[in-house]
Amino acid sequence: MTENKEIFESMSVGKALASLAIPTIISQLITMIYNLADTIFIGQTNDYRKVAAASVAFNLVFLMNALSNLFGIGGGSLISRLLGINQDEEAKKVSALSFYGTIIVTILYSLIIFLFMDPILRILGASNDTIQYASDYTLWVAIIGSIPCTLSMTMAHLLRSEGYTRHASLGLGMSGILNIVLDPLFMFVLLPKGNEVLGAAMATMVSNICSLIYFSIVFFFLRKKAILNISPKLLPSSLKHLKSVLAVGFPSSLGSALACASSILINNLSSNYGDIPVAAVGIVKKIDMLPTNVGMGLCQGMMPLVAYNYSSKNYKRMRSVARYARISGIIFALICVLTFEIFASPIVLCFIEDAETLSLGTDFLRICCLATPLMIINFQMSYTFQAMGKGPESLVLSSLRQGLINIPLLFLMNAIFGLYGIVWTQLISDSITLVISFTLYHMTYKKLVINMENANC
């Protein structure tokens, strides 16, 4: 930890945040590109059924983020806080708990998907025309390749918690680049025509396996100078930290799960209007991954700094980090809004040439992008609470944004305004959540200042 101590304690806030966030953002963008690559390559078939099927199945893949967040975000936050108060041995135990905890919950998840795959995919919005394509994608990515996917993300979170952001980013970035290379190979060369969705899934699985191998090698070579440890011998004594890990990990996991549930509901409601709206919505959600992934990368880079300085009671530096990250995120979000409003049609055209899908996708993108600045601020607030170990506050925000506010609004807007009402819902939901986020944040920070002043008396 000593080699990264300067980043956490004395380096200028802007430079420290950049050193942790930029590699993370790059890896997030590469991951985004390979997710986009699946849709782009599948879209080259000009078969909206295959695009719709991939969009439906991707919800189950996205849900695996929730599994990795459970122990990756929860464990990573606790590790950074333990390092802030010099409890390195306890941090090692948390690392092992996070590693094996991820494996256990992923196995359970994959088993459920395997046993009930057909009804689950139909609930997600798959039709008789898309069910087989969606099943192919789900089998190879969310069942056979589930552990490499979730475990790679968890190990990346653990590396970031100790400041090894470049190692984490390289592993995830390598997986993304490899998937981009393998996609056309599996889709158009190795497999017969008509199996493009299956090929994309197999390429994703292979790239995730390679990523897991990389992270395993990194953990092995860092074992002597880092606190990161995955020895099963640490498990019995690590269970005492389970509650603290889940206190932060569960809200983060719930947020991802509710986002997935919201996406599932959008697909389901959109499917009432046909497969073309499902394809259009799926394409827009892929495009929206650009600001989402940059925002997430910024938050994940910020999180160890906030956690470390919170536990070491350097609240001024902690708040400066959070403010710097928030301003940076807003600036990027506004650039995205301007770009998407002006170039919506050519951007959607990159994914599919079908005229009706293109028209709907263009309209949807111009609406959805308006929520981008609000979304990034809400992300930043939620991650700040997670870094501080404030599980209840984080749970409130996670439950509200994509659950208690967004889901009822989707039904209401669909009933009143139809298909376009579904698309406008996220902007309204994020606007309401933003007011609550700022209120909770300022109340929490005010309490910290009061406690600090009382301690100095």
Protein backbone atom coordinates (compact mmCIF):
# COMPACT_ATOMS: atom_id res chain seq x y z
CA MET A 1 0.00 0.00 0.00
CA THR A 2 2.91 2.37 0.65
CA GLU A 3 3.58 2.84 -3.06
CA ASN A 4 0.04 4.22 -3.51
CA LYS A 5 -0.18 6.17 -0.24
CA GLU A 6 0.67 9.50 -1.89
CA ILE A 7 -2.35 9.21 -4.20
CA PHE A 8 -4.71 8.81 -1.26
CA GLU A 9 -3.20 11.36 1.12
CA SER A 10 -1.13 14.15 -0.41
CA MET A 11 -1.40 14.28 -4.21
CA SER A 12 -3.50 17.18 -5.56
CA VAL A 13 -7.17 16.24 -5.79
CA GLY A 14 -7.36 16.68 -9.56
CA LYS A 15 -4.23 14.65 -10.20
CA ALA A 16 -5.19 11.91 -7.73
CA LEU A 17 -8.66 11.57 -9.21
CA ALA A 18 -7.24 11.53 -12.74
CA SER A 19 -4.68 8.85 -11.85
CA LEU A 20 -7.44 6.54 -10.60
CA ALA A 21 -10.36 7.56 -12.82
CA ILE A 22 -8.79 7.89 -16.28
CA PRO A 23 -7.61 4.25 -16.53
CA THR A 24 -10.99 3.14 -15.18
CA ILE A 25 -12.88 5.27 -17.69
CA ILE A 26 -10.74 3.92 -20.52
CA SER A 27 -11.47 0.33 -19.51
CA GLN A 28 -15.17 1.16 -19.18
CA LEU A 29 -15.16 2.67 -22.67
CA ILE A 30 -13.43 -0.37 -24.13
CA THR A 31 -15.99 -2.58 -22.38
CA MET A 32 -18.71 -0.36 -23.83
CA ILE A 33 -17.21 -0.66 -27.29
CA TYR A 34 -17.23 -4.45 -27.20
CA ASN A 35 -20.85 -4.41 -26.00
CA LEU A 36 -21.63 -2.04 -28.84
CA ALA A 37 -19.68 -4.29 -31.17
CA ASP A 38 -22.09 -7.15 -30.50
CA THR A 39 -25.03 -4.95 -31.49
CA ILE A 40 -23.22 -3.36 -34.44
CA PHE A 41 -22.10 -6.69 -35.89
CA ILE A 42 -25.52 -8.28 -35.31
CA GLY A 43 -27.10 -5.18 -36.84
CA GLN A 44 -25.11 -5.77 -40.02
CA THR A 45 -27.49 -8.65 -40.72
CA ASN A 46 -30.28 -6.01 -40.96
CA ASP A 47 -32.44 -8.48 -39.06
CA TYR A 48 -34.30 -6.56 -36.34
CA ARG A 49 -35.27 -9.89 -34.70
CA LYS A 50 -31.64 -10.66 -33.92
CA VAL A 51 -31.02 -7.14 -32.63
CA ALA A 52 -34.12 -7.37 -30.44
CA ALA A 53 -33.06 -10.82 -29.16
CA ALA A 54 -29.59 -9.57 -28.19
CA SER A 55 -31.16 -6.57 -26.43
CA VAL A 56 -33.43 -8.86 -24.43
CA ALA A 57 -30.67 -11.31 -23.47
CA PHE A 58 -28.26 -8.53 -22.59
CA ASN A 59 -30.45 -7.70 -19.59
CA LEU A 60 -29.40 -11.00 -18.00
CA VAL A 61 -25.76 -10.19 -18.72
CA PHE A 62 -26.19 -6.72 -17.26
CA LEU A 63 -27.73 -8.28 -14.16
CA MET A 64 -24.38 -9.98 -13.54
CA ASN A 65 -23.02 -6.50 -12.79
CA ALA A 66 -25.29 -6.56 -9.76
CA LEU A 67 -23.69 -9.81 -8.62
CA SER A 68 -20.17 -8.45 -8.97
CA ASN A 69 -21.17 -5.19 -7.23
CA LEU A 70 -22.45 -7.13 -4.24
CA PHE A 71 -18.94 -8.15 -3.24
CA GLY A 72 -16.83 -6.02 -5.60
CA ILE A 73 -18.20 -2.60 -4.59
CA GLY A 74 -19.03 -3.69 -1.04
CA GLY A 75 -15.66 -5.32 -0.47
CA GLY A 76 -13.70 -2.64 -2.31
CA SER A 77 -15.24 0.15 -0.22
CA LEU A 78 -14.48 -1.66 3.04
CA ILE A 79 -10.91 -2.43 1.96
CA SER A 80 -10.20 1.24 1.23
CA ARG A 81 -11.69 2.27 4.57
CA LEU A 82 -9.65 -0.35 6.44
CA LEU A 83 -6.49 0.84 4.71
CA GLY A 84 -7.33 4.39 5.80
CA ILE A 85 -7.08 3.27 9.45
CA ASN A 86 -4.08 0.94 8.84
CA GLN A 87 -5.91 -2.37 9.31
CA ASP A 88 -4.16 -4.23 6.47
CA GLU A 89 -4.69 -7.74 7.84
CA GLU A 90 -8.44 -7.24 8.05
CA ALA A 91 -8.43 -5.86 4.51
CA LYS A 92 -6.86 -9.14 3.33
CA LYS A 93 -9.75 -11.08 4.83
CA VAL A 94 -12.27 -8.86 3.04
CA SER A 95 -10.48 -9.53 -0.24
CA ALA A 96 -10.85 -13.31 0.18
CA LEU A 97 -14.49 -12.96 1.27
CA SER A 98 -15.31 -10.89 -1.82
CA PHE A 99 -13.64 -13.37 -4.17
CA TYR A 100 -15.42 -16.50 -2.95
CA GLY A 101 -18.68 -14.71 -2.23
CA THR A 102 -18.86 -13.70 -5.90
CA ILE A 103 -18.35 -17.30 -7.02
CA ILE A 104 -21.14 -18.59 -4.78
CA VAL A 105 -23.80 -16.05 -5.79
CA THR A 106 -22.89 -16.42 -9.49
CA ILE A 107 -23.36 -20.19 -9.37
CA LEU A 108 -26.78 -19.74 -7.79
CA TYR A 109 -27.74 -17.13 -10.40
CA SER A 110 -26.63 -19.30 -13.34
CA LEU A 111 -28.52 -22.30 -11.99
CA ILE A 112 -31.75 -20.29 -11.78
CA ILE A 113 -31.30 -18.95 -15.34
CA PHE A 114 -30.54 -22.44 -16.66
CA LEU A 115 -33.63 -24.01 -15.06
CA PHE A 116 -36.08 -21.26 -16.06
CA MET A 117 -34.46 -19.72 -19.14
CA ASP A 118 -37.43 -19.84 -21.53
CA PRO A 119 -40.04 -18.26 -19.22
CA ILE A 120 -37.52 -15.68 -17.98
CA LEU A 121 -36.64 -14.57 -21.51
CA ARG A 122 -40.32 -14.29 -22.44
CA ILE A 123 -40.92 -12.13 -19.38
CA LEU A 124 -38.02 -9.97 -20.55
CA GLY A 125 -39.75 -9.37 -23.87
CA ALA A 126 -38.66 -12.23 -26.15
CA SER A 127 -41.22 -13.23 -28.78
CA ASN A 128 -41.63 -16.45 -30.73
CA ASP A 129 -39.45 -14.89 -33.45
CA THR A 130 -36.60 -13.95 -31.08
CA ILE A 131 -36.63 -16.59 -28.32
CA GLN A 132 -34.08 -18.94 -29.93
CA TYR A 133 -31.57 -16.17 -30.61
CA ALA A 134 -32.00 -14.84 -27.08
CA SER A 135 -31.54 -18.35 -25.65
CA ASP A 136 -28.27 -18.84 -27.54
CA TYR A 137 -26.83 -15.59 -26.18
CA THR A 138 -27.98 -16.30 -22.63
CA LEU A 139 -26.60 -19.84 -22.54
CA TRP A 140 -23.04 -18.90 -23.49
CA VAL A 141 -22.68 -15.61 -21.63
CA ALA A 142 -24.97 -15.76 -18.58
CA ILE A 143 -24.69 -19.49 -17.82
CA ILE A 144 -21.55 -21.14 -19.20
CA GLY A 145 -19.47 -17.96 -19.04
CA SER A 146 -21.01 -16.42 -15.92
CA ILE A 147 -18.19 -16.95 -13.39
CA PRO A 148 -15.41 -15.50 -15.61
CA CYS A 149 -17.64 -12.46 -16.22
CA THR A 150 -18.57 -11.65 -12.62
CA LEU A 151 -15.27 -12.68 -11.05
CA SER A 152 -13.27 -10.49 -13.43
CA MET A 153 -15.35 -7.46 -12.49
CA THR A 154 -15.05 -8.20 -8.76
CA MET A 155 -11.27 -8.60 -8.97
CA ALA A 156 -11.04 -5.30 -10.84
CA HIS A 157 -12.97 -3.58 -8.02
CA LEU A 158 -10.62 -5.08 -5.43
CA LEU A 159 -7.55 -3.88 -7.34
CA ARG A 160 -8.96 -0.34 -7.50
CA SER A 161 -9.62 -0.35 -3.76
CA GLU A 162 -5.86 -0.42 -3.14
CA GLY A 163 -4.97 1.99 -5.94
CA TYR A 164 -4.01 -0.55 -8.62
CA THR A 165 -6.34 1.06 -11.13
CA ARG A 166 -4.14 0.49 -14.16
CA HIS A 167 -3.98 -3.24 -13.53
CA ALA A 168 -7.76 -3.36 -13.20
CA SER A 169 -8.31 -1.29 -16.31
CA LEU A 170 -5.86 -3.29 -18.39
CA GLY A 171 -7.65 -6.55 -17.58
CA LEU A 172 -11.11 -5.28 -18.46
CA GLY A 173 -9.81 -3.34 -21.46
CA MET A 174 -7.97 -6.38 -22.80
CA SER A 175 -11.21 -8.37 -22.57
CA GLY A 176 -13.03 -5.70 -24.55
CA ILE A 177 -10.45 -5.49 -27.32
CA LEU A 178 -10.29 -9.26 -27.59
CA ASN A 179 -14.07 -9.46 -27.91
CA ILE A 180 -14.06 -6.91 -30.73
CA VAL A 181 -11.52 -9.04 -32.58
CA LEU A 182 -13.33 -12.33 -31.91
CA ASP A 183 -16.85 -11.11 -32.75
CA PRO A 184 -16.51 -11.13 -36.57
CA LEU A 185 -14.40 -14.28 -36.41
CA PHE A 186 -17.06 -16.30 -34.60
CA MET A 187 -20.05 -14.60 -36.27
CA PHE A 188 -19.02 -14.62 -39.92
CA VAL A 189 -16.18 -17.14 -40.28
CA LEU A 190 -16.33 -20.02 -37.78
CA LEU A 191 -20.10 -20.46 -37.55
CA PRO A 192 -22.61 -21.01 -40.39
CA LYS A 193 -24.73 -18.09 -41.59
CA GLY A 194 -27.72 -17.43 -39.34
CA ASN A 195 -25.75 -18.01 -36.12
CA GLU A 196 -24.53 -14.44 -35.67
CA VAL A 197 -26.08 -14.02 -32.19
CA LEU A 198 -24.56 -17.31 -31.04
CA GLY A 199 -21.19 -16.23 -32.42
CA ALA A 200 -21.30 -12.92 -30.56
CA ALA A 201 -22.09 -14.76 -27.33
CA MET A 202 -19.24 -17.25 -27.74
CA ALA A 203 -16.80 -14.42 -28.48
CA THR A 204 -17.89 -12.63 -25.29
CA MET A 205 -17.45 -15.78 -23.21
CA VAL A 206 -13.94 -16.45 -24.51
CA SER A 207 -12.84 -12.85 -23.89
CA ASN A 208 -14.15 -13.01 -20.30
CA ILE A 209 -12.21 -16.21 -19.67
CA CYS A 210 -9.02 -14.53 -20.89
CA SER A 211 -9.74 -11.57 -18.60
CA LEU A 212 -10.09 -13.87 -15.59
CA ILE A 213 -6.78 -15.55 -16.42
CA TYR A 214 -5.10 -12.14 -16.54
CA PHE A 215 -6.50 -11.08 -13.16
CA SER A 216 -5.45 -14.38 -11.59
CA ILE A 217 -1.88 -13.77 -12.78
CA VAL A 218 -1.93 -10.17 -11.46
CA PHE A 219 -3.16 -11.29 -8.04
CA PHE A 220 -0.42 -13.92 -7.91
CA PHE A 221 2.39 -11.45 -8.64
CA LEU A 222 1.02 -8.77 -6.30
CA ARG A 223 0.46 -11.15 -3.38
CA LYS A 224 3.66 -10.14 -1.55
CA LYS A 225 3.38 -6.36 -1.78
CA ALA A 226 -0.40 -5.86 -1.84
CA ILE A 227 -3.04 -6.71 0.73
CA LEU A 228 -5.11 -8.47 -1.94
CA ASN A 229 -5.43 -12.11 -0.97
CA ILE A 230 -7.73 -14.92 -2.16
CA SER A 231 -6.50 -17.72 0.11
CA PRO A 232 -9.44 -19.92 1.25
CA LYS A 233 -7.73 -20.16 4.65
CA LEU A 234 -8.88 -16.59 5.34
CA LEU A 235 -12.58 -17.40 4.80
CA PRO A 236 -13.53 -18.53 8.34
CA SER A 237 -12.16 -15.37 9.96
CA SER A 238 -13.42 -13.15 7.13
CA LEU A 239 -17.10 -13.90 7.72
CA LYS A 240 -17.22 -11.28 10.49
CA HIS A 241 -16.93 -8.66 7.73
CA LEU A 242 -19.86 -10.05 5.72
CA LYS A 243 -22.38 -7.65 7.23
CA SER A 244 -20.17 -4.60 6.52
CA VAL A 245 -19.54 -5.74 2.93
CA LEU A 246 -23.22 -6.34 2.24
CA ALA A 247 -24.23 -3.06 3.91
CA VAL A 248 -22.56 -1.25 0.99
CA GLY A 249 -22.61 -3.98 -1.63
CA PHE A 250 -26.32 -4.71 -1.39
CA PRO A 251 -27.47 -1.13 -2.21
CA SER A 252 -25.05 -1.06 -5.15
CA SER A 253 -26.21 -4.49 -6.28
CA LEU A 254 -29.83 -3.48 -5.82
CA GLY A 255 -29.26 -0.37 -7.92
CA SER A 256 -27.89 -2.48 -10.77
CA ALA A 257 -30.66 -5.05 -10.36
CA LEU A 258 -33.36 -2.38 -10.40
CA ALA A 259 -31.76 -0.77 -13.45
CA CYS A 260 -31.96 -4.16 -15.09
CA ALA A 261 -35.56 -4.60 -13.92
CA SER A 262 -36.37 -1.19 -15.35
CA SER A 263 -34.73 -2.14 -18.64
CA ILE A 264 -36.64 -5.41 -18.65
CA LEU A 265 -39.90 -3.56 -18.06
CA ILE A 266 -39.09 -1.13 -20.87
CA ASN A 267 -38.49 -4.05 -23.24
CA ASN A 268 -41.65 -5.74 -22.05
CA LEU A 269 -43.81 -2.64 -22.46
CA SER A 270 -42.16 -1.81 -25.80
CA SER A 271 -42.79 -5.34 -27.07
CA ASN A 272 -46.52 -4.57 -26.96
CA TYR A 273 -45.83 -2.26 -29.91
CA GLY A 274 -43.82 -4.90 -31.86
CA ASP A 275 -40.23 -6.12 -32.24
CA ILE A 276 -39.08 -2.94 -34.03
CA PRO A 277 -39.57 -0.67 -30.98
CA VAL A 278 -37.72 -3.25 -28.86
CA ALA A 279 -34.82 -3.13 -31.32
CA ALA A 280 -34.87 0.70 -31.37
CA VAL A 281 -34.90 0.92 -27.58
CA GLY A 282 -32.09 -1.63 -27.38
CA ILE A 283 -29.93 0.40 -29.77
CA VAL A 284 -30.53 3.62 -27.82
CA LYS A 285 -29.62 1.90 -24.57
CA LYS A 286 -26.36 0.79 -26.16
CA ILE A 287 -25.58 4.33 -27.31
CA ASP A 288 -26.45 5.64 -23.84
CA MET A 289 -23.69 3.39 -22.52
CA LEU A 290 -21.12 6.07 -23.50
CA PRO A 291 -22.10 8.61 -20.83
CA THR A 292 -23.11 5.83 -18.45
CA ASN A 293 -19.73 4.11 -18.64
CA VAL A 294 -17.78 7.35 -18.36
CA GLY A 295 -19.89 8.29 -15.35
CA MET A 296 -19.37 4.88 -13.77
CA GLY A 297 -15.64 4.97 -14.47
CA LEU A 298 -15.37 8.39 -12.86
CA CYS A 299 -17.30 7.18 -9.82
CA GLN A 300 -15.24 3.99 -9.49
CA GLY A 301 -12.04 6.03 -9.67
CA MET A 302 -13.40 8.45 -7.08
CA MET A 303 -14.62 5.77 -4.68
CA PRO A 304 -11.30 4.59 -3.14
CA LEU A 305 -10.24 8.21 -2.55
CA VAL A 306 -13.49 9.09 -0.82
CA ALA A 307 -13.46 5.88 1.27
CA TYR A 308 -9.84 6.25 2.38
CA ASN A 309 -10.16 9.93 3.35
CA TYR A 310 -13.50 9.36 5.04
CA SER A 311 -12.08 6.66 7.32
CA SER A 312 -8.97 8.75 8.04
CA LYS A 313 -11.31 11.70 8.86
CA ASN A 314 -9.87 14.00 6.20
CA TYR A 315 -13.36 15.25 5.32
CA LYS A 316 -12.18 18.35 3.49
CA ARG A 317 -10.19 16.28 0.97
CA MET A 318 -13.04 13.78 0.73
CA ARG A 319 -15.52 16.51 -0.20
CA SER A 320 -13.09 18.07 -2.69
CA VAL A 321 -12.72 14.73 -4.46
CA ALA A 322 -16.51 14.30 -4.69
CA ARG A 323 -17.02 17.86 -5.96
CA TYR A 324 -14.25 17.54 -8.56
CA ALA A 325 -15.76 14.29 -9.83
CA ARG A 326 -19.24 15.79 -9.99
CA ILE A 327 -18.18 18.83 -12.01
CA SER A 328 -16.15 16.68 -14.41
CA GLY A 329 -19.11 14.38 -14.94
CA ILE A 330 -21.53 17.23 -15.63
CA ILE A 331 -19.23 18.77 -18.25
CA PHE A 332 -18.90 15.47 -20.10
CA ALA A 333 -22.65 14.83 -19.87
CA LEU A 334 -23.48 18.17 -21.47
CA ILE A 335 -21.10 17.41 -24.34
CA CYS A 336 -22.91 14.10 -24.88
CA VAL A 337 -26.34 15.77 -24.89
CA LEU A 338 -25.23 18.28 -27.53
CA THR A 339 -23.66 15.56 -29.70
CA PHE A 340 -26.63 13.19 -29.51
CA GLU A 341 -29.15 15.94 -30.28
CA ILE A 342 -27.27 17.04 -33.39
CA PHE A 343 -26.09 13.68 -34.74
CA ALA A 344 -28.81 11.30 -33.51
CA SER A 345 -29.72 9.92 -36.93
CA PRO A 346 -26.19 9.09 -38.21
CA ILE A 347 -25.31 7.59 -34.82
CA VAL A 348 -28.29 5.21 -34.90
CA LEU A 349 -27.54 4.46 -38.55
CA CYS A 350 -24.24 2.91 -37.41
CA PHE A 351 -26.26 0.12 -35.81
CA ILE A 352 -28.99 -0.63 -38.34
CA GLU A 353 -30.25 0.61 -41.71
CA ASP A 354 -33.86 -0.55 -41.38
CA ALA A 355 -35.86 2.67 -42.01
CA GLU A 356 -38.52 2.25 -39.32
CA THR A 357 -36.04 1.22 -36.65
CA LEU A 358 -33.78 4.14 -37.63
CA SER A 359 -36.64 6.64 -37.35
CA LEU A 360 -37.77 5.43 -33.93
CA GLY A 361 -34.19 5.13 -32.65
CA THR A 362 -33.40 8.71 -33.67
CA ASP A 363 -36.42 10.07 -31.79
CA PHE A 364 -35.71 7.92 -28.73
CA LEU A 365 -32.05 8.96 -28.55
CA ARG A 366 -32.88 12.69 -28.61
CA ILE A 367 -35.26 12.19 -25.70
CA CYS A 368 -33.18 9.81 -23.59
CA CYS A 369 -29.98 11.86 -23.74
CA LEU A 370 -31.64 14.73 -21.85
CA ALA A 371 -31.42 12.70 -18.64
CA THR A 372 -27.66 12.20 -18.94
CA PRO A 373 -26.42 15.05 -16.67
CA LEU A 374 -28.93 14.14 -13.97
CA MET A 375 -28.05 10.46 -14.22
CA ILE A 376 -24.32 11.09 -13.75
CA ILE A 377 -24.90 13.31 -10.71
CA ASN A 378 -27.14 10.67 -9.14
CA PHE A 379 -24.46 8.03 -9.79
CA GLN A 380 -21.86 10.22 -8.12
CA MET A 381 -24.00 10.81 -5.04
CA SER A 382 -24.78 7.11 -4.64
CA TYR A 383 -21.13 6.08 -5.02
CA THR A 384 -20.09 8.70 -2.46
CA PHE A 385 -22.42 7.17 0.11
CA GLN A 386 -21.13 3.69 -0.75
CA ALA A 387 -17.54 4.83 -0.31
CA MET A 388 -18.40 6.23 3.12
CA GLY A 389 -20.03 2.97 4.14
CA LYS A 390 -23.41 4.72 4.37
CA GLY A 391 -25.53 1.73 3.41
CA PRO A 392 -28.97 3.15 4.36
CA GLU A 393 -28.50 6.37 2.37
CA SER A 394 -27.16 4.46 -0.61
CA LEU A 395 -30.04 2.00 -0.32
CA VAL A 396 -32.57 4.85 -0.41
CA LEU A 397 -31.09 6.32 -3.60
CA SER A 398 -30.73 2.92 -5.28
CA SER A 399 -34.32 2.00 -4.45
CA LEU A 400 -35.75 5.32 -5.60
CA ARG A 401 -34.07 6.02 -8.93
CA GLN A 402 -34.75 2.78 -10.78
CA GLY A 403 -37.31 1.24 -8.45
CA LEU A 404 -39.85 3.14 -6.39
CA ILE A 405 -39.91 6.12 -8.77
CA ASN A 406 -38.99 4.81 -12.20
CA ILE A 407 -40.98 1.56 -12.36
CA PRO A 408 -44.38 3.00 -11.35
CA LEU A 409 -43.72 5.95 -13.69
CA LEU A 410 -43.12 3.57 -16.60
CA PHE A 411 -46.57 2.03 -16.17
CA LEU A 412 -48.19 5.46 -15.75
CA MET A 413 -46.44 7.09 -18.71
CA ASN A 414 -47.14 4.09 -20.93
CA ALA A 415 -50.82 4.15 -20.01
CA ILE A 416 -51.14 7.90 -20.69
CA PHE A 417 -48.72 8.59 -23.55
CA GLY A 418 -47.98 5.16 -25.03
CA LEU A 419 -44.59 4.23 -26.51
CA TYR A 420 -43.08 7.71 -26.28
CA GLY A 421 -44.20 8.00 -22.66
CA ILE A 422 -41.93 5.04 -21.85
CA VAL A 423 -38.97 6.86 -23.36
CA TRP A 424 -39.59 10.11 -21.41
CA THR A 425 -39.79 8.34 -18.04
CA GLN A 426 -36.07 8.28 -17.18
CA LEU A 427 -35.74 12.07 -17.38
CA ILE A 428 -38.60 12.55 -14.92
CA SER A 429 -37.28 9.83 -12.59
CA ASP A 430 -33.74 11.24 -12.51
CA SER A 431 -35.06 14.77 -11.86
CA ILE A 432 -36.98 13.63 -8.79
CA THR A 433 -34.08 11.51 -7.51
CA LEU A 434 -31.62 14.40 -7.92
CA VAL A 435 -33.50 16.54 -5.38
CA ILE A 436 -33.44 13.70 -2.86
CA SER A 437 -29.75 12.94 -3.58
CA PHE A 438 -28.58 16.49 -2.87
CA THR A 439 -30.71 16.70 0.27
CA LEU A 440 -29.26 13.46 1.70
CA TYR A 441 -25.71 14.40 0.77
CA HIS A 442 -25.78 17.82 2.42
CA MET A 443 -27.45 16.43 5.55
CA THR A 444 -24.78 13.72 5.82
CA TYR A 445 -21.85 16.08 5.28
CA LYS A 446 -23.28 18.56 7.79
CA LYS A 447 -23.32 15.80 10.42
CA LEU A 448 -19.69 14.97 9.64
CA VAL A 449 -18.64 18.59 10.14
CA ILE A 450 -20.52 18.80 13.44
CA ASN A 451 -18.91 15.55 14.68
CA MET A 452 -15.48 16.81 13.66
CA GLU A 453 -15.99 20.14 15.48
CA ASN A 454 -17.19 18.33 18.61
CA ALA A 455 -14.15 16.06 18.53
CA ASN A 456 -11.83 19.07 18.38
CA CYS A 457 -13.50 20.76 21.37
